[in-house]
Amino acid sequence: MVEPFLVLAVDDHAGSRFAVSSTLSALPGVKVIEAGSGEDALRLWLATLPHLILLDAHMPGMDGYEVADHLRMASRTRHIPIIFLTGIYKSDEFIRRGYGVGAVDYLLKPVEESLLINRVRFYQFLTDQERKLSVAVDQLRLRDTELSAARDRAEAANRAKDSFLAAMSHEIRTPLNAILGTAHMLLENAQPDQLNPLNNIILSGRHLLIIINDILDLAKIEADMLRLDKQDFRLITLIETVRSIISVGAAAKNLAIHVDIAPGTPPVLRGDANRLRQALLNYASNAVKFTEAGSVTLRAEQIAGDDSQATLRFEVEDTGYGIDPEIQAELFKPFSQGAAPQPGGTGLGLVITRRLAQLMNGDAGVRSTKGVGSLFWFTAKLEIGRDSPALDQASGEEALRRLRGLAASRRVLLVEDNAINAEIALNLLNGAGLAGEVAEDGQSAVDMVSQRYYDLILMDMHMPRMNGLDATRAIRALPGRYRPPIIAMTANAFDDDRRKCAAAGMDDFLSKPVEPSEMYTILLRWLEQT
């Protein structure tokens, strides 16, 4: 039911009140309340709170000016419009007194009916618009409250999802590190008939690791949380790293791996080398997976640029099954898989490669012929980097050779509470000719560092008594100038984990499962500086 527009008519002459009331009561939605004196008007407004007051200026006792002054002093009635009715109009006096006490208009008696109706209709319209505006504001406030609650729920869900993904990643990476590490240990002294089973374990473990990384990366991309780093890198090192990773799987199928870097392509670039390597590896891993005979070619060339930047096109070409044209358009959609005889995987790798390329102001695509092979490509805009000796990073085999040439007195402290992972890491250290000792928690590590000298510390993050971050801070706070390199070696693989490690005072980061070649490269980098 629509609330009526209330008009309080205040006049000491009954005839004047009757004339006003009879005129306005005929208007739709208007209700008139009468008051015969100023005192009656003040009593009625408290009970009714009218929308408009028609107030006689000259009345015995309390006149209209006094009534208006009382109304203006009360917060509930301060904004009610007042129209004075007066038979004696003196311009200067009304300006001084009428407008001074808050009047918005005046009408001369006897009041002309059309003027009265027009005035009341105008304020009735304003009141109606105020009501509608108030309803709209209430609806907006309700909507804002609902949106705020929905946003809070979404943020809570995102936090829960991130926590779940981080926990699952950690719980999967920890045993996966033991599986891959043990396989690598056995591979060193394996008999010929054991090579294929052990290589299959390693390939399967790496495939599982790719799935984990893809799920985490897609979640970060969808939440707009993935950020690109910038660092100088050698293009040939990046491509050779990918070639090395896929070489085990390629060798198992007797596939040749070719590397083709076009003449004129900048040898040193600046950008996110890790993400470029990931994008290229997604293509290369699929190429090996879906190629049974022939070769896989890793290719890079500059297609645009100037002295400060270059747009590169990366390609992976194989002699595999090939893909039907109608399927090619679906390949870069989440959870889509190719038309290979034995498809597998999450279908996320191609999506992530395209998203990464787009973050680097590029794109990705495919060209394929059924029964002949496929060529997957992506482009990326990169800066021209600066060459320096620091970019001459040794390969895993070269790093291992050089580590074995270091003084045998180099001592490494391994901080790890998982007995299997500690055994695997010690085996890798011993294989490089390094002496390793184990601390089972962060507090033990602080105690051991305060008593003995270590050339380098490998630090886990999640441990009893004291975690790796607190242990690192405590070691950095020890007196003296002794500052051993501390390398995080953890199953926590989020970018935020890397930032936390750096903020605590760690110098580098190794994510589990640990690739022996990557571990040896990082160990060499820091031990050659000590």
Protein backbone atom coordinates (compact mmCIF):
# COMPACT_ATOMS: atom_id res chain seq x y z
CA MET A 1 0.00 0.00 0.00
CA VAL A 2 1.36 3.43 -1.00
CA GLU A 3 1.89 5.80 1.90
CA PRO A 4 -0.26 8.99 1.48
CA PHE A 5 1.28 12.42 1.05
CA LEU A 6 0.51 14.15 4.37
CA VAL A 7 -0.16 17.90 4.42
CA LEU A 8 -0.48 19.72 7.77
CA ALA A 9 -2.68 22.82 7.29
CA VAL A 10 -2.27 25.28 10.18
CA ASP A 11 -4.66 28.27 10.34
CA ASP A 12 -6.68 29.85 13.17
CA HIS A 13 -9.59 30.55 10.74
CA ALA A 14 -11.78 27.48 10.28
CA GLY A 15 -13.02 28.72 6.91
CA SER A 16 -9.50 29.03 5.55
CA ARG A 17 -8.64 25.51 6.80
CA PHE A 18 -11.82 24.13 5.21
CA ALA A 19 -11.02 25.75 1.85
CA VAL A 20 -7.49 24.33 1.83
CA SER A 21 -8.61 20.89 3.00
CA SER A 22 -11.46 20.54 0.49
CA THR A 23 -9.18 21.61 -2.38
CA LEU A 24 -6.32 19.26 -1.53
CA SER A 25 -8.36 16.23 -0.45
CA ALA A 26 -9.53 15.86 -4.04
CA LEU A 27 -5.95 15.24 -5.17
CA PRO A 28 -4.95 11.55 -5.54
CA GLY A 29 -2.75 10.30 -2.72
CA VAL A 30 -3.04 13.49 -0.63
CA LYS A 31 -4.25 13.51 2.97
CA VAL A 32 -4.80 16.76 4.91
CA ILE A 33 -4.44 17.16 8.67
CA GLU A 34 -5.80 20.38 10.22
CA ALA A 35 -4.46 22.40 13.15
CA GLY A 36 -6.23 25.53 14.48
CA SER A 37 -3.25 27.03 16.33
CA GLY A 38 0.50 26.99 16.58
CA GLU A 39 0.34 24.88 19.72
CA ASP A 40 -1.93 22.31 17.97
CA ALA A 41 0.50 22.22 15.02
CA LEU A 42 3.47 21.32 17.26
CA ARG A 43 1.47 18.51 18.90
CA LEU A 44 0.33 17.08 15.54
CA TRP A 45 3.67 17.09 13.76
CA LEU A 46 5.14 14.84 16.48
CA ALA A 47 2.39 12.28 15.89
CA THR A 48 2.18 12.47 12.09
CA LEU A 49 5.48 13.81 10.68
CA PRO A 50 3.85 15.43 7.63
CA HIS A 51 5.55 15.77 4.26
CA LEU A 52 4.49 19.42 3.77
CA ILE A 53 3.28 22.16 6.16
CA LEU A 54 0.97 24.99 5.06
CA LEU A 55 1.45 27.49 7.86
CA ASP A 56 -0.50 30.68 8.56
CA ALA A 57 1.98 33.39 9.40
CA HIS A 58 -0.26 35.51 11.65
CA MET A 59 -2.09 33.70 14.44
CA PRO A 60 -2.91 34.64 18.03
CA GLY A 61 -0.72 33.07 20.66
CA MET A 62 2.11 31.25 18.84
CA ASP A 63 2.33 32.63 15.33
CA GLY A 64 3.66 30.82 12.25
CA TYR A 65 7.16 32.20 12.57
CA GLU A 66 7.52 30.75 16.08
CA VAL A 67 6.13 27.38 14.93
CA ALA A 68 8.59 27.28 12.05
CA ASP A 69 11.44 28.17 14.38
CA HIS A 70 10.54 25.24 16.67
CA LEU A 71 10.34 22.87 13.69
CA ARG A 72 13.73 23.95 12.41
CA MET A 73 15.39 23.22 15.75
CA ALA A 74 14.21 19.57 15.76
CA SER A 75 16.26 17.16 13.64
CA ARG A 76 13.19 15.11 12.68
CA THR A 77 11.36 18.10 11.15
CA ARG A 78 14.23 20.33 10.09
CA HIS A 79 13.88 19.38 6.43
CA ILE A 80 10.05 19.39 6.12
CA PRO A 81 9.15 22.09 3.54
CA ILE A 82 7.05 24.96 4.94
CA ILE A 83 4.85 27.18 2.77
CA PHE A 84 3.59 30.28 4.57
CA LEU A 85 0.01 31.48 4.04
CA THR A 86 -0.32 35.20 4.71
CA GLY A 87 -2.87 37.90 4.07
CA ILE A 88 -0.40 40.62 5.03
CA TYR A 89 2.71 40.34 2.91
CA LYS A 90 5.59 42.68 3.53
CA SER A 91 8.54 41.65 1.38
CA ASP A 92 11.34 42.83 3.69
CA GLU A 93 9.73 41.35 6.79
CA PHE A 94 9.06 37.97 5.14
CA ILE A 95 12.57 37.74 3.74
CA ARG A 96 13.93 38.50 7.19
CA ARG A 97 11.56 36.30 9.20
CA GLY A 98 9.93 33.74 6.87
CA TYR A 99 12.93 32.57 4.92
CA GLY A 100 15.01 33.02 8.03
CA VAL A 101 13.08 30.30 9.85
CA GLY A 102 13.25 27.86 6.93
CA ALA A 103 10.24 28.65 4.71
CA VAL A 104 10.57 27.46 1.10
CA ASP A 105 7.68 29.47 -0.38
CA TYR A 106 4.62 31.62 0.44
CA LEU A 107 1.05 32.05 -0.86
CA LEU A 108 -1.14 35.12 -0.40
CA LYS A 109 -4.62 34.82 1.07
CA PRO A 110 -7.19 34.24 -0.23
CA VAL A 111 -5.23 31.41 -1.76
CA GLU A 112 -5.76 30.84 -5.45
CA GLU A 113 -6.78 27.21 -5.91
CA SER A 114 -4.59 26.48 -8.96
CA LEU A 115 -1.48 27.90 -7.26
CA LEU A 116 -2.11 25.82 -4.15
CA ILE A 117 -2.63 22.65 -6.18
CA ASN A 118 0.52 23.22 -8.24
CA ARG A 119 2.64 23.82 -5.15
CA VAL A 120 1.36 20.72 -3.39
CA ARG A 121 1.74 18.56 -6.51
CA PHE A 122 5.33 19.74 -6.89
CA TYR A 123 6.27 18.76 -3.32
CA GLN A 124 4.27 15.55 -3.65
CA PHE A 125 6.38 14.73 -6.73
CA LEU A 126 9.59 15.51 -4.84
CA THR A 127 8.50 13.31 -1.95
CA ASP A 128 7.63 10.49 -4.35
CA GLN A 129 11.08 10.76 -5.96
CA GLU A 130 12.71 10.77 -2.53
CA ARG A 131 10.81 7.61 -1.66
CA LYS A 132 11.91 5.92 -4.86
CA LEU A 133 15.47 7.08 -4.29
CA SER A 134 15.35 5.77 -0.74
CA VAL A 135 14.10 2.40 -1.97
CA ALA A 136 16.83 2.34 -4.63
CA VAL A 137 19.46 3.24 -2.03
CA ASP A 138 18.19 0.51 0.29
CA GLN A 139 18.29 -1.97 -2.58
CA LEU A 140 21.82 -0.86 -3.47
CA ARG A 141 22.89 -1.21 0.14
CA LEU A 142 21.34 -4.66 0.29
CA ARG A 143 23.01 -5.56 -2.99
CA ASP A 144 26.32 -4.17 -1.75
CA THR A 145 25.96 -6.22 1.42
CA GLU A 146 25.18 -9.32 -0.63
CA LEU A 147 28.11 -8.64 -2.97
CA SER A 148 30.41 -8.02 -0.01
CA ALA A 149 29.29 -11.29 1.56
CA ALA A 150 29.72 -13.09 -1.77
CA ARG A 151 33.18 -11.55 -2.17
CA ASP A 152 34.11 -12.65 1.35
CA ARG A 153 32.87 -16.16 0.60
CA ALA A 154 34.78 -16.21 -2.71
CA GLU A 155 37.96 -14.97 -1.04
CA ALA A 156 37.55 -17.54 1.72
CA ALA A 157 37.00 -20.22 -0.91
CA ASN A 158 40.11 -19.06 -2.78
CA ARG A 159 42.14 -19.12 0.41
CA ALA A 160 40.83 -22.58 1.19
CA LYS A 161 41.59 -23.70 -2.35
CA ASP A 162 45.11 -22.25 -2.20
CA SER A 163 45.70 -23.88 1.18
CA PHE A 164 44.38 -27.18 -0.13
CA LEU A 165 46.51 -27.02 -3.28
CA ALA A 166 49.59 -26.05 -1.29
CA ALA A 167 49.00 -28.86 1.21
CA MET A 168 48.34 -31.43 -1.51
CA SER A 169 51.37 -30.26 -3.46
CA HIS A 170 53.56 -30.65 -0.39
CA GLU A 171 52.12 -34.04 0.52
CA ILE A 172 52.59 -35.37 -3.02
CA ARG A 173 56.02 -33.85 -3.62
CA THR A 174 57.49 -35.28 -0.43
CA PRO A 175 56.98 -38.99 -1.27
CA LEU A 176 57.61 -38.24 -4.96
CA ASN A 177 61.03 -36.92 -3.97
CA ALA A 178 61.69 -40.27 -2.25
CA ILE A 179 60.48 -42.25 -5.28
CA LEU A 180 62.53 -40.33 -7.86
CA GLY A 181 65.53 -40.04 -5.57
CA THR A 182 65.59 -43.76 -4.88
CA ALA A 183 65.23 -44.51 -8.59
CA HIS A 184 68.21 -42.27 -9.35
CA MET A 185 70.23 -43.99 -6.63
CA LEU A 186 69.44 -47.43 -8.01
CA LEU A 187 70.15 -46.29 -11.56
CA GLU A 188 73.78 -45.54 -10.69
CA ASN A 189 74.56 -49.23 -10.08
CA ALA A 190 71.76 -50.85 -12.09
CA GLN A 191 72.17 -53.98 -14.17
CA PRO A 192 71.25 -53.74 -17.88
CA ASP A 193 67.93 -55.49 -17.37
CA GLN A 194 67.04 -52.96 -14.63
CA LEU A 195 67.57 -49.82 -16.71
CA ASN A 196 64.18 -49.76 -18.45
CA PRO A 197 62.10 -50.33 -15.28
CA LEU A 198 64.04 -47.62 -13.41
CA ASN A 199 63.76 -45.19 -16.33
CA ASN A 200 60.02 -45.88 -16.44
CA ILE A 201 59.76 -45.00 -12.75
CA ILE A 202 61.62 -41.74 -13.37
CA LEU A 203 59.51 -40.86 -16.42
CA SER A 204 56.27 -41.63 -14.60
CA GLY A 205 57.38 -39.60 -11.59
CA ARG A 206 58.28 -36.66 -13.79
CA HIS A 207 54.92 -36.95 -15.54
CA LEU A 208 53.15 -36.81 -12.18
CA LEU A 209 55.24 -33.77 -11.25
CA ILE A 210 54.22 -32.02 -14.48
CA ILE A 211 50.56 -32.65 -13.65
CA ILE A 212 51.00 -31.18 -10.17
CA ASN A 213 52.79 -28.12 -11.54
CA ASP A 214 50.16 -27.65 -14.27
CA ILE A 215 47.30 -27.69 -11.78
CA LEU A 216 49.04 -25.20 -9.48
CA ASP A 217 50.01 -22.90 -12.35
CA LEU A 218 46.55 -22.91 -13.91
CA ALA A 219 45.04 -22.01 -10.52
CA LYS A 220 47.47 -19.09 -10.21
CA ILE A 221 46.82 -17.94 -13.78
CA GLU A 222 43.03 -18.08 -13.34
CA ALA A 223 43.34 -16.08 -10.10
CA ASP A 224 45.65 -13.57 -11.82
CA MET A 225 48.34 -14.36 -9.27
CA LEU A 226 51.10 -15.52 -11.59
CA ARG A 227 53.87 -12.95 -11.93
CA LEU A 228 56.79 -13.06 -14.34
CA ASP A 229 60.38 -12.56 -13.19
CA LYS A 230 63.12 -10.93 -15.24
CA GLN A 231 66.66 -12.23 -15.47
CA ASP A 232 69.36 -12.48 -18.10
CA PHE A 233 69.80 -15.95 -19.60
CA ARG A 234 71.50 -17.69 -22.49
CA LEU A 235 69.04 -18.98 -25.06
CA ILE A 236 71.15 -22.04 -25.84
CA THR A 237 71.28 -22.97 -22.13
CA LEU A 238 67.51 -22.79 -21.86
CA ILE A 239 66.95 -25.00 -24.92
CA GLU A 240 69.68 -27.46 -23.96
CA THR A 241 68.08 -27.84 -20.53
CA VAL A 242 64.80 -28.83 -22.18
CA ARG A 243 66.66 -31.19 -24.49
CA SER A 244 68.37 -32.80 -21.50
CA ILE A 245 65.08 -33.31 -19.63
CA ILE A 246 63.35 -35.05 -22.56
CA SER A 247 66.42 -37.04 -23.55
CA VAL A 248 65.64 -40.04 -21.31
CA GLY A 249 62.18 -40.49 -22.81
CA ALA A 250 63.47 -39.87 -26.33
CA ALA A 251 66.29 -42.41 -25.90
CA ALA A 252 63.79 -45.04 -24.74
CA LYS A 253 62.04 -44.67 -28.13
CA ASN A 254 65.22 -44.16 -30.15
CA LEU A 255 64.06 -40.68 -31.14
CA ALA A 256 66.61 -38.13 -32.38
CA ILE A 257 66.52 -34.69 -30.76
CA HIS A 258 67.58 -31.72 -32.91
CA VAL A 259 68.23 -28.15 -31.77
CA ASP A 260 67.91 -25.36 -34.34
CA ILE A 261 68.56 -21.73 -33.37
CA ALA A 262 68.26 -19.45 -36.39
CA PRO A 263 71.24 -17.19 -37.25
CA GLY A 264 70.84 -13.67 -35.91
CA THR A 265 68.79 -14.72 -32.88
CA PRO A 266 70.07 -12.85 -29.78
CA PRO A 267 72.16 -15.28 -27.71
CA VAL A 268 71.42 -13.50 -24.40
CA LEU A 269 67.91 -12.39 -23.47
CA ARG A 270 66.16 -10.95 -20.44
CA GLY A 271 62.86 -12.36 -19.23
CA ASP A 272 61.38 -15.19 -17.18
CA ALA A 273 63.62 -18.07 -18.21
CA ASN A 274 61.83 -20.52 -15.92
CA ARG A 275 58.44 -19.86 -17.51
CA LEU A 276 59.89 -19.96 -21.02
CA ARG A 277 61.51 -23.29 -20.22
CA GLN A 278 58.20 -24.56 -18.80
CA ALA A 279 56.28 -23.50 -21.93
CA LEU A 280 58.82 -25.14 -24.24
CA LEU A 281 58.98 -28.25 -22.08
CA ASN A 282 55.19 -28.66 -22.24
CA TYR A 283 55.47 -28.88 -26.03
CA ALA A 284 58.60 -31.05 -26.03
CA SER A 285 57.23 -33.55 -23.50
CA ASN A 286 54.09 -34.00 -25.60
CA ALA A 287 56.19 -34.40 -28.74
CA VAL A 288 58.16 -37.28 -27.19
CA LYS A 289 55.02 -38.80 -25.73
CA PHE A 290 53.12 -38.91 -29.05
CA THR A 291 56.02 -39.76 -31.37
CA GLU A 292 56.96 -43.39 -31.84
CA ALA A 293 59.65 -43.02 -34.51
CA GLY A 294 61.73 -40.27 -36.09
CA SER A 295 62.72 -37.09 -34.35
CA VAL A 296 61.80 -34.07 -32.24
CA THR A 297 63.19 -30.64 -33.15
CA LEU A 298 63.48 -27.69 -30.76
CA ARG A 299 63.66 -24.45 -32.71
CA ALA A 300 63.99 -20.72 -31.91
CA GLU A 301 64.21 -17.65 -34.13
CA GLN A 302 63.76 -13.90 -33.86
CA ILE A 303 60.76 -12.66 -35.87
CA ALA A 304 60.74 -8.98 -34.80
CA GLY A 305 62.60 -6.55 -32.60
CA ASP A 306 65.22 -3.83 -32.35
CA ASP A 307 68.33 -3.08 -30.27
CA SER A 308 66.47 -3.29 -26.96
CA GLN A 309 63.90 -6.06 -27.43
CA ALA A 310 63.14 -9.08 -29.56
CA THR A 311 60.07 -11.14 -30.32
CA LEU A 312 61.07 -14.80 -30.49
CA ARG A 313 59.16 -17.70 -31.98
CA PHE A 314 59.74 -21.06 -30.31
CA GLU A 315 58.77 -24.25 -32.12
CA VAL A 316 58.67 -27.94 -31.32
CA GLU A 317 58.26 -30.13 -34.38
CA ASP A 318 57.80 -33.89 -34.31
CA THR A 319 57.24 -36.80 -36.68
CA GLY A 320 54.40 -38.19 -34.59
CA TYR A 321 50.80 -39.12 -35.15
CA GLY A 322 49.57 -35.74 -36.34
CA ILE A 323 46.24 -34.21 -35.35
CA ASP A 324 42.93 -33.98 -37.22
CA PRO A 325 42.05 -30.36 -38.23
CA GLU A 326 38.76 -30.34 -36.30
CA ILE A 327 40.60 -31.33 -33.11
CA GLN A 328 43.35 -28.72 -33.42
CA ALA A 329 40.96 -25.88 -32.49
CA GLU A 330 40.16 -27.63 -29.18
CA LEU A 331 43.73 -28.31 -28.10
CA PHE A 332 44.29 -25.05 -26.21
CA LYS A 333 41.13 -25.38 -24.12
CA PRO A 334 41.43 -26.66 -20.53
CA PHE A 335 41.29 -30.43 -20.09
CA SER A 336 41.28 -31.03 -23.85
CA GLN A 337 43.46 -33.87 -25.18
CA GLY A 338 44.79 -34.64 -28.60
CA ALA A 339 43.72 -37.38 -30.93
CA ALA A 340 46.63 -39.71 -30.28
CA PRO A 341 45.85 -43.44 -30.15
CA GLN A 342 46.53 -43.41 -26.41
CA PRO A 343 45.75 -39.93 -25.12
CA GLY A 344 46.67 -39.08 -21.57
CA GLY A 345 47.41 -36.27 -19.17
CA THR A 346 45.24 -33.41 -17.94
CA GLY A 347 45.26 -31.40 -21.14
CA LEU A 348 46.51 -28.39 -19.13
CA GLY A 349 50.02 -28.10 -20.58
CA LEU A 350 48.95 -26.49 -23.85
CA VAL A 351 46.58 -24.11 -22.05
CA ILE A 352 49.35 -23.01 -19.71
CA THR A 353 51.81 -22.54 -22.58
CA ARG A 354 49.35 -20.24 -24.36
CA ARG A 355 48.61 -18.30 -21.16
CA LEU A 356 52.32 -17.90 -20.46
CA ALA A 357 52.90 -16.72 -24.03
CA GLN A 358 50.09 -14.19 -23.67
CA LEU A 359 51.63 -12.92 -20.42
CA MET A 360 54.80 -12.33 -22.48
CA ASN A 361 52.81 -10.39 -25.13
CA GLY A 362 52.78 -13.36 -27.50
CA ASP A 363 50.52 -16.20 -28.53
CA ALA A 364 50.58 -19.93 -29.25
CA GLY A 365 49.27 -22.30 -31.89
CA VAL A 366 49.71 -25.52 -33.83
CA ARG A 367 50.14 -26.74 -37.39
CA SER A 368 49.69 -30.47 -37.94
CA THR A 369 49.16 -33.05 -40.68
CA LYS A 370 47.61 -36.37 -39.81
CA GLY A 371 50.14 -39.19 -40.17
CA VAL A 372 53.04 -36.78 -40.80
CA GLY A 373 53.62 -34.89 -37.58
CA SER A 374 52.91 -31.67 -35.69
CA LEU A 375 54.53 -28.30 -35.14
CA PHE A 376 53.57 -26.43 -31.97
CA TRP A 377 54.72 -22.81 -31.63
CA PHE A 378 54.54 -19.87 -29.26
CA THR A 379 55.92 -16.33 -29.36
CA ALA A 380 57.24 -14.12 -26.59
CA LYS A 381 58.46 -10.53 -26.45
CA LEU A 382 61.74 -10.35 -24.50
CA GLU A 383 64.37 -7.76 -23.73
CA ILE A 384 67.91 -8.04 -25.04
CA GLY A 385 70.08 -9.24 -22.16
CA ARG A 386 73.67 -8.52 -21.13
CA ASP A 387 76.29 -11.18 -21.43
CA SER A 388 78.32 -11.95 -18.30
CA PRO A 389 80.38 -14.84 -16.87
CA ALA A 390 77.60 -15.43 -14.32
CA LEU A 391 75.44 -16.80 -17.14
CA ASP A 392 77.90 -19.61 -17.83
CA GLN A 393 75.96 -22.10 -15.77
CA ALA A 394 77.38 -25.57 -15.86
CA SER A 395 75.23 -28.46 -16.98
CA GLY A 396 74.40 -31.19 -14.47
CA GLU A 397 77.21 -33.46 -15.67
CA GLU A 398 79.71 -30.60 -15.82
CA ALA A 399 78.64 -29.37 -12.37
CA LEU A 400 79.09 -32.86 -10.93
CA ARG A 401 82.58 -33.14 -12.43
CA ARG A 402 83.61 -29.75 -11.04
CA LEU A 403 82.11 -30.50 -7.62
CA ARG A 404 84.22 -33.62 -7.38
CA GLY A 405 87.26 -31.48 -8.08
CA LEU A 406 86.62 -29.21 -5.11
CA ALA A 407 88.51 -29.74 -1.85
CA ALA A 408 87.24 -32.80 0.00
CA SER A 409 86.99 -30.73 3.18
CA ARG A 410 83.87 -28.94 1.97
CA ARG A 411 81.16 -29.68 4.52
CA VAL A 412 77.40 -29.40 3.84
CA LEU A 413 74.70 -29.38 6.53
CA LEU A 414 71.47 -31.04 5.45
CA VAL A 415 68.47 -29.96 7.56
CA GLU A 416 65.76 -32.55 6.90
CA ASP A 417 63.32 -34.35 9.21
CA ASN A 418 62.25 -37.00 6.68
CA ALA A 419 64.65 -39.93 7.00
CA ILE A 420 64.18 -41.20 3.43
CA ASN A 421 64.65 -37.76 1.86
CA ALA A 422 67.69 -37.19 4.07
CA GLU A 423 69.22 -40.47 2.87
CA ILE A 424 68.63 -39.56 -0.76
CA ALA A 425 70.12 -36.08 -0.39
CA LEU A 426 73.15 -37.48 1.46
CA ASN A 427 73.66 -39.98 -1.34
CA LEU A 428 73.67 -37.14 -3.89
CA LEU A 429 76.12 -35.15 -1.77
CA ASN A 430 78.41 -38.14 -1.33
CA GLY A 431 78.23 -38.84 -5.05
CA ALA A 432 79.63 -35.36 -5.62
CA GLY A 433 82.45 -35.97 -3.13
CA LEU A 434 80.95 -33.67 -0.49
CA ALA A 435 80.82 -34.42 3.23
CA GLY A 436 77.27 -34.14 4.52
CA GLU A 437 75.82 -34.05 8.01
CA VAL A 438 72.13 -34.17 8.98
CA ALA A 439 70.15 -32.02 11.38
CA GLU A 440 66.67 -33.42 12.03
CA ASP A 441 65.01 -30.08 12.80
CA GLY A 442 65.64 -26.35 12.74
CA GLN A 443 66.75 -26.02 16.34
CA SER A 444 69.35 -28.76 15.89
CA ALA A 445 70.60 -26.94 12.79
CA VAL A 446 71.06 -23.68 14.74
CA ASP A 447 72.93 -25.53 17.48
CA MET A 448 75.22 -27.30 15.00
CA VAL A 449 75.99 -24.11 13.01
CA SER A 450 76.85 -22.28 16.22
CA GLN A 451 79.43 -24.98 17.05
CA ARG A 452 80.89 -25.98 13.67
CA TYR A 453 81.73 -24.43 10.31
CA TYR A 454 79.71 -25.44 7.25
CA ASP A 455 80.38 -24.33 3.70
CA LEU A 456 76.71 -24.59 2.73
CA ILE A 457 73.33 -25.45 4.28
CA LEU A 458 70.42 -27.24 2.58
CA MET A 459 67.30 -26.26 4.54
CA ASP A 460 63.87 -27.89 4.58
CA MET A 461 60.91 -25.64 5.54
CA HIS A 462 58.46 -27.86 7.46
CA MET A 463 60.09 -29.44 10.51
CA PRO A 464 59.30 -30.04 14.19
CA ARG A 465 60.57 -27.78 16.99
CA MET A 466 61.69 -25.03 14.59
CA ASN A 467 60.80 -24.63 10.92
CA GLY A 468 63.28 -23.73 8.20
CA LEU A 469 62.36 -20.05 8.02
CA ASP A 470 62.86 -19.48 11.74
CA ALA A 471 66.04 -21.56 11.70
CA THR A 472 67.44 -19.44 8.86
CA ARG A 473 66.66 -16.23 10.74
CA ALA A 474 68.31 -17.61 13.87
CA ILE A 475 71.43 -18.65 11.92
CA ARG A 476 71.64 -15.23 10.27
CA ALA A 477 71.41 -13.66 13.73
CA LEU A 478 74.39 -15.61 15.12
CA PRO A 479 77.32 -13.36 16.09
CA GLY A 480 80.32 -13.01 13.84
CA ARG A 481 80.80 -12.52 10.09
CA TYR A 482 80.29 -16.18 9.23
CA ARG A 483 77.48 -16.35 6.64
CA PRO A 484 77.14 -19.74 4.94
CA PRO A 485 74.93 -19.96 1.82
CA ILE A 486 71.52 -21.38 2.76
CA ILE A 487 69.57 -23.16 0.04
CA ALA A 488 65.90 -23.96 0.57
CA MET A 489 65.17 -27.57 -0.35
CA THR A 490 61.46 -27.96 0.12
CA ALA A 491 58.24 -29.45 -1.22
CA ASN A 492 56.64 -26.01 -0.92
CA ALA A 493 56.72 -24.84 -4.53
CA PHE A 494 54.57 -21.68 -4.61
CA ASP A 495 56.07 -18.33 -5.62
CA ASP A 496 55.05 -17.00 -2.22
CA ASP A 497 57.18 -19.71 -0.62
CA ARG A 498 60.19 -18.51 -2.60
CA ARG A 499 59.60 -14.95 -1.44
CA LYS A 500 59.30 -16.07 2.19
CA CYS A 501 62.56 -18.00 1.90
CA ALA A 502 64.38 -15.02 0.43
CA ALA A 503 62.94 -12.70 3.11
CA ALA A 504 64.17 -15.06 5.84
CA GLY A 505 67.71 -14.87 4.47
CA MET A 506 68.00 -17.87 2.16
CA ASP A 507 70.15 -17.52 -0.92
CA ASP A 508 68.58 -19.97 -3.37
CA PHE A 509 65.72 -22.40 -3.82
CA LEU A 510 65.42 -26.09 -4.74
CA SER A 511 61.93 -27.56 -5.00
CA LYS A 512 61.24 -31.21 -4.33
CA PRO A 513 61.34 -33.62 -6.05
CA VAL A 514 64.95 -32.60 -6.52
CA GLU A 515 66.52 -33.11 -9.94
CA PRO A 516 70.15 -34.23 -9.31
CA SER A 517 71.46 -32.09 -12.17
CA GLU A 518 69.72 -29.00 -10.80
CA MET A 519 70.99 -29.70 -7.29
CA TYR A 520 74.58 -30.11 -8.51
CA THR A 521 74.36 -26.91 -10.56
CA ILE A 522 73.16 -24.88 -7.57
CA LEU A 523 75.71 -26.47 -5.20
CA LEU A 524 78.52 -25.63 -7.62
CA ARG A 525 77.31 -22.05 -8.03
CA TRP A 526 77.57 -21.36 -4.30
CA LEU A 527 80.47 -23.58 -3.27
CA GLU A 528 82.74 -22.05 -5.90
CA GLN A 529 82.12 -18.69 -4.21
CA THR A 530 83.02 -19.84 -0.69
